[in-house]
Amino acid sequence: MISTTINNALNEQINKEFYSGYLYLSISAYLKQLGYEGIASWLRQQAKEEVEHGLKIFDYLIECNSFVTLKQIRTPDFVYNGLLSVFSLIYEHEKEITNAVMSVAKQAEDECDRTTLNFIDWFIEEQVQEEENVKNIVKKIELFGENNAVMFLIDKELGERTE
């Protein structure tokens, strides 16, 4: 069984992952209403992935004979000021998730909990990819602007994501 400290940290991480799913679904719905079908689809896939991350931690806790404590998920709040603001918000959010994952890793390291440290390494690698993907979208929008042609191409590109 894992320590109470690690258990609490992992339960908090479940909440953060589920919140990420809510946030991305919320933005997805809004952008779909604006006509950004491709970006909305991409965000919906992101939301699904975040929930899967939360479930992965959920299952890990159960496998370790530890306790899962699901907490209330706060309502996502964002202000739409164009796609650059949306993807900048998503990028900042991903950095927060990375910091949270790194905090769990640090706690596991401090407690010499090699099993949890090995488990959380997967999330660290995943977060590197998540940040890189969103950072690249932000860079494209900053580089080319938010004119209709650029937004059309980004919407089309992101809409091609299948998983």
C-alpha atoms as a PDB file:
ATOM      1  CA  MET A   1       0.000   0.000   0.000  1.00  0.00           C
ATOM      2  CA  ILE A   2       1.240   3.478  -0.778  1.00  0.00           C
ATOM      3  CA  SER A   3       1.592   6.218   1.820  1.00  0.00           C
ATOM      4  CA  THR A   4      -1.215   8.581   2.735  1.00  0.00           C
ATOM      5  CA  THR A   5       0.773  11.481   1.265  1.00  0.00           C
ATOM      6  CA  ILE A   6       1.181   9.761  -2.111  1.00  0.00           C
ATOM      7  CA  ASN A   7      -2.431   8.571  -2.012  1.00  0.00           C
ATOM      8  CA  ASN A   8      -3.650  12.139  -1.470  1.00  0.00           C
ATOM      9  CA  ALA A   9      -1.393  13.496  -4.198  1.00  0.00           C
ATOM     10  CA  LEU A  10      -2.617  10.892  -6.696  1.00  0.00           C
ATOM     11  CA  ASN A  11      -6.252  11.565  -5.800  1.00  0.00           C
ATOM     12  CA  GLU A  12      -5.614  15.263  -6.416  1.00  0.00           C
ATOM     13  CA  GLN A  13      -4.034  14.360  -9.749  1.00  0.00           C
ATOM     14  CA  ILE A  14      -7.136  12.371 -10.725  1.00  0.00           C
ATOM     15  CA  ASN A  15      -9.175  15.506 -10.067  1.00  0.00           C
ATOM     16  CA  LYS A  16      -6.772  17.627 -12.136  1.00  0.00           C
ATOM     17  CA  GLU A  17      -6.953  15.183 -15.064  1.00  0.00           C
ATOM     18  CA  PHE A  18     -10.757  15.070 -14.954  1.00  0.00           C
ATOM     19  CA  TYR A  19     -10.852  18.865 -14.709  1.00  0.00           C
ATOM     20  CA  SER A  20      -8.660  19.026 -17.816  1.00  0.00           C
ATOM     21  CA  GLY A  21     -11.243  16.915 -19.602  1.00  0.00           C
ATOM     22  CA  TYR A  22     -14.025  19.268 -18.488  1.00  0.00           C
ATOM     23  CA  LEU A  23     -12.020  22.303 -19.550  1.00  0.00           C
ATOM     24  CA  TYR A  24     -11.300  20.915 -22.999  1.00  0.00           C
ATOM     25  CA  LEU A  25     -14.910  19.790 -23.506  1.00  0.00           C
ATOM     26  CA  SER A  26     -16.116  23.229 -22.490  1.00  0.00           C
ATOM     27  CA  ILE A  27     -13.820  24.958 -24.962  1.00  0.00           C
ATOM     28  CA  SER A  28     -14.654  22.361 -27.610  1.00  0.00           C
ATOM     29  CA  ALA A  29     -18.388  23.047 -27.314  1.00  0.00           C
ATOM     30  CA  TYR A  30     -17.850  26.784 -27.539  1.00  0.00           C
ATOM     31  CA  LEU A  31     -15.583  26.571 -30.585  1.00  0.00           C
ATOM     32  CA  LYS A  32     -17.915  24.159 -32.341  1.00  0.00           C
ATOM     33  CA  GLN A  33     -20.682  26.728 -31.951  1.00  0.00           C
ATOM     34  CA  LEU A  34     -18.380  29.262 -33.604  1.00  0.00           C
ATOM     35  CA  GLY A  35     -17.813  26.900 -36.539  1.00  0.00           C
ATOM     36  CA  TYR A  36     -14.365  25.556 -35.666  1.00  0.00           C
ATOM     37  CA  GLU A  37     -15.303  21.924 -36.266  1.00  0.00           C
ATOM     38  CA  GLY A  38     -11.721  20.667 -36.531  1.00  0.00           C
ATOM     39  CA  ILE A  39     -10.406  22.365 -33.411  1.00  0.00           C
ATOM     40  CA  ALA A  40     -13.531  21.314 -31.500  1.00  0.00           C
ATOM     41  CA  SER A  41     -12.903  17.710 -32.545  1.00  0.00           C
ATOM     42  CA  TRP A  42      -9.237  17.942 -31.525  1.00  0.00           C
ATOM     43  CA  LEU A  43     -10.221  19.308 -28.114  1.00  0.00           C
ATOM     44  CA  ARG A  44     -12.801  16.572 -27.668  1.00  0.00           C
ATOM     45  CA  GLN A  45     -10.046  14.005 -28.295  1.00  0.00           C
ATOM     46  CA  GLN A  46      -7.856  15.852 -25.782  1.00  0.00           C
ATOM     47  CA  ALA A  47     -10.682  15.708 -23.244  1.00  0.00           C
ATOM     48  CA  LYS A  48     -11.060  11.967 -23.738  1.00  0.00           C
ATOM     49  CA  GLU A  49      -7.317  11.511 -23.293  1.00  0.00           C
ATOM     50  CA  GLU A  50      -7.293  13.515 -20.063  1.00  0.00           C
ATOM     51  CA  VAL A  51     -10.125  11.434 -18.599  1.00  0.00           C
ATOM     52  CA  GLU A  52      -8.194   8.296 -19.584  1.00  0.00           C
ATOM     53  CA  HIS A  53      -5.190   9.684 -17.674  1.00  0.00           C
ATOM     54  CA  GLY A  54      -7.374  10.146 -14.604  1.00  0.00           C
ATOM     55  CA  LEU A  55      -8.670   6.591 -14.944  1.00  0.00           C
ATOM     56  CA  LYS A  56      -5.129   5.281 -15.258  1.00  0.00           C
ATOM     57  CA  ILE A  57      -4.310   6.808 -11.870  1.00  0.00           C
ATOM     58  CA  PHE A  58      -7.646   5.572 -10.497  1.00  0.00           C
ATOM     59  CA  ASP A  59      -6.763   2.001 -11.525  1.00  0.00           C
ATOM     60  CA  TYR A  60      -3.238   2.327 -10.127  1.00  0.00           C
ATOM     61  CA  LEU A  61      -4.559   3.296  -6.715  1.00  0.00           C
ATOM     62  CA  ILE A  62      -6.901   0.310  -6.692  1.00  0.00           C
ATOM     63  CA  GLU A  63      -4.102  -2.029  -7.797  1.00  0.00           C
ATOM     64  CA  CYS A  64      -2.002  -0.728  -4.886  1.00  0.00           C
ATOM     65  CA  ASN A  65      -4.831  -1.507  -2.440  1.00  0.00           C
ATOM     66  CA  SER A  66      -5.112   2.196  -1.804  1.00  0.00           C
ATOM     67  CA  PHE A  67      -8.141   4.449  -1.622  1.00  0.00           C
ATOM     68  CA  VAL A  68      -9.716   6.435  -4.433  1.00  0.00           C
ATOM     69  CA  THR A  69     -11.405   9.611  -3.266  1.00  0.00           C
ATOM     70  CA  LEU A  70     -13.174  11.380  -6.090  1.00  0.00           C
ATOM     71  CA  LYS A  71     -13.529  15.079  -5.465  1.00  0.00           C
ATOM     72  CA  GLN A  72     -15.819  17.692  -6.904  1.00  0.00           C
ATOM     73  CA  ILE A  73     -14.690  19.000 -10.284  1.00  0.00           C
ATOM     74  CA  ARG A  74     -14.907  22.754 -10.531  1.00  0.00           C
ATOM     75  CA  THR A  75     -16.644  24.406 -13.451  1.00  0.00           C
ATOM     76  CA  PRO A  76     -14.226  25.437 -16.197  1.00  0.00           C
ATOM     77  CA  ASP A  77     -13.974  29.144 -16.730  1.00  0.00           C
ATOM     78  CA  PHE A  78     -12.383  30.745 -19.755  1.00  0.00           C
ATOM     79  CA  VAL A  79     -12.791  33.917 -21.752  1.00  0.00           C
ATOM     80  CA  TYR A  80     -12.717  33.716 -25.525  1.00  0.00           C
ATOM     81  CA  ASN A  81     -10.543  36.433 -27.067  1.00  0.00           C
ATOM     82  CA  GLY A  82      -9.565  34.563 -30.213  1.00  0.00           C
ATOM     83  CA  LEU A  83      -7.800  31.282 -30.782  1.00  0.00           C
ATOM     84  CA  LEU A  84      -4.427  32.538 -29.595  1.00  0.00           C
ATOM     85  CA  SER A  85      -5.940  33.245 -26.172  1.00  0.00           C
ATOM     86  CA  VAL A  86      -7.566  29.788 -26.116  1.00  0.00           C
ATOM     87  CA  PHE A  87      -4.399  27.912 -26.996  1.00  0.00           C
ATOM     88  CA  SER A  88      -2.317  30.092 -24.688  1.00  0.00           C
ATOM     89  CA  LEU A  89      -4.698  29.164 -21.869  1.00  0.00           C
ATOM     90  CA  ILE A  90      -4.420  25.479 -22.814  1.00  0.00           C
ATOM     91  CA  TYR A  91      -0.622  25.726 -22.902  1.00  0.00           C
ATOM     92  CA  GLU A  92      -0.528  27.341 -19.447  1.00  0.00           C
ATOM     93  CA  HIS A  93      -2.914  24.678 -18.174  1.00  0.00           C
ATOM     94  CA  GLU A  94      -0.688  21.889 -19.521  1.00  0.00           C
ATOM     95  CA  LYS A  95       2.301  23.469 -17.775  1.00  0.00           C
ATOM     96  CA  GLU A  96       0.317  23.440 -14.507  1.00  0.00           C
ATOM     97  CA  ILE A  97      -0.461  19.751 -15.020  1.00  0.00           C
ATOM     98  CA  THR A  98       3.217  19.066 -15.692  1.00  0.00           C
ATOM     99  CA  ASN A  99       4.140  20.811 -12.438  1.00  0.00           C
ATOM    100  CA  ALA A 100       1.547  18.750 -10.563  1.00  0.00           C
ATOM    101  CA  VAL A 101       2.884  15.502 -12.047  1.00  0.00           C
ATOM    102  CA  MET A 102       6.437  16.528 -11.190  1.00  0.00           C
ATOM    103  CA  SER A 103       5.316  17.218  -7.631  1.00  0.00           C
ATOM    104  CA  VAL A 104       3.916  13.684  -7.338  1.00  0.00           C
ATOM    105  CA  ALA A 105       7.205  12.338  -8.716  1.00  0.00           C
ATOM    106  CA  LYS A 106       9.158  14.378  -6.156  1.00  0.00           C
ATOM    107  CA  GLN A 107       7.016  13.058  -3.318  1.00  0.00           C
ATOM    108  CA  ALA A 108       7.470   9.486  -4.539  1.00  0.00           C
ATOM    109  CA  GLU A 109      11.207  10.069  -4.802  1.00  0.00           C
ATOM    110  CA  ASP A 110      11.379  11.561  -1.295  1.00  0.00           C
ATOM    111  CA  GLU A 111       9.565   8.519   0.094  1.00  0.00           C
ATOM    112  CA  CYS A 112      11.617   6.036  -1.948  1.00  0.00           C
ATOM    113  CA  ASP A 113       8.365   4.784  -3.491  1.00  0.00           C
ATOM    114  CA  ARG A 114       9.923   3.266  -6.607  1.00  0.00           C
ATOM    115  CA  THR A 115       6.645   1.741  -7.799  1.00  0.00           C
ATOM    116  CA  THR A 116       4.854   5.088  -7.902  1.00  0.00           C
ATOM    117  CA  LEU A 117       7.927   6.792  -9.321  1.00  0.00           C
ATOM    118  CA  ASN A 118       8.015   4.260 -12.157  1.00  0.00           C
ATOM    119  CA  PHE A 119       4.269   4.709 -12.695  1.00  0.00           C
ATOM    120  CA  ILE A 120       4.432   8.514 -12.764  1.00  0.00           C
ATOM    121  CA  ASP A 121       7.315   8.517 -15.267  1.00  0.00           C
ATOM    122  CA  TRP A 122       4.798   7.657 -17.994  1.00  0.00           C
ATOM    123  CA  PHE A 123       2.865  10.835 -17.155  1.00  0.00           C
ATOM    124  CA  ILE A 124       6.027  12.926 -17.246  1.00  0.00           C
ATOM    125  CA  GLU A 125       6.790  11.726 -20.769  1.00  0.00           C
ATOM    126  CA  GLU A 126       3.166  12.295 -21.768  1.00  0.00           C
ATOM    127  CA  GLN A 127       3.275  15.863 -20.465  1.00  0.00           C
ATOM    128  CA  VAL A 128       6.387  16.649 -22.497  1.00  0.00           C
ATOM    129  CA  GLN A 129       4.420  15.664 -25.617  1.00  0.00           C
ATOM    130  CA  GLU A 130       1.288  17.533 -24.514  1.00  0.00           C
ATOM    131  CA  GLU A 131       3.167  20.764 -23.922  1.00  0.00           C
ATOM    132  CA  GLU A 132       5.079  20.455 -27.189  1.00  0.00           C
ATOM    133  CA  ASN A 133       1.903  19.883 -29.220  1.00  0.00           C
ATOM    134  CA  VAL A 134       0.109  22.896 -27.796  1.00  0.00           C
ATOM    135  CA  LYS A 135       3.220  25.097 -27.905  1.00  0.00           C
ATOM    136  CA  ASN A 136       3.506  24.351 -31.644  1.00  0.00           C
ATOM    137  CA  ILE A 137      -0.088  25.435 -32.216  1.00  0.00           C
ATOM    138  CA  VAL A 138       0.535  28.667 -30.288  1.00  0.00           C
ATOM    139  CA  LYS A 139       3.684  29.312 -32.342  1.00  0.00           C
ATOM    140  CA  LYS A 140       1.780  28.846 -35.617  1.00  0.00           C
ATOM    141  CA  ILE A 141      -0.915  31.290 -34.576  1.00  0.00           C
ATOM    142  CA  GLU A 142       1.668  33.824 -33.367  1.00  0.00           C
ATOM    143  CA  LEU A 143       3.706  33.434 -36.539  1.00  0.00           C
ATOM    144  CA  PHE A 144       0.880  33.578 -39.075  1.00  0.00           C
ATOM    145  CA  GLY A 145      -1.782  35.555 -37.199  1.00  0.00           C
ATOM    146  CA  GLU A 146      -5.465  34.913 -36.753  1.00  0.00           C
ATOM    147  CA  ASN A 147      -6.664  35.748 -40.230  1.00  0.00           C
ATOM    148  CA  ASN A 148      -9.391  33.614 -41.798  1.00  0.00           C
ATOM    149  CA  ALA A 149      -7.082  31.619 -44.075  1.00  0.00           C
ATOM    150  CA  VAL A 150      -4.723  30.671 -41.240  1.00  0.00           C
ATOM    151  CA  MET A 151      -7.593  29.754 -38.911  1.00  0.00           C
ATOM    152  CA  PHE A 152      -9.144  27.647 -41.668  1.00  0.00           C
ATOM    153  CA  LEU A 153      -5.880  25.730 -42.156  1.00  0.00           C
ATOM    154  CA  ILE A 154      -5.316  25.203 -38.431  1.00  0.00           C
ATOM    155  CA  ASP A 155      -8.912  24.069 -38.003  1.00  0.00           C
ATOM    156  CA  LYS A 156      -8.483  21.652 -40.914  1.00  0.00           C
ATOM    157  CA  GLU A 157      -5.140  20.335 -39.620  1.00  0.00           C
ATOM    158  CA  LEU A 158      -6.378  19.749 -36.073  1.00  0.00           C
ATOM    159  CA  GLY A 159      -9.565  18.163 -37.381  1.00  0.00           C
ATOM    160  CA  GLU A 160      -7.505  15.399 -39.003  1.00  0.00           C
ATOM    161  CA  ARG A 161      -6.606  13.956 -35.600  1.00  0.00           C
ATOM    162  CA  THR A 162      -8.106  10.522 -35.131  1.00  0.00           C
ATOM    163  CA  GLU A 163      -6.853   9.740 -31.617  1.00  0.00           C
END
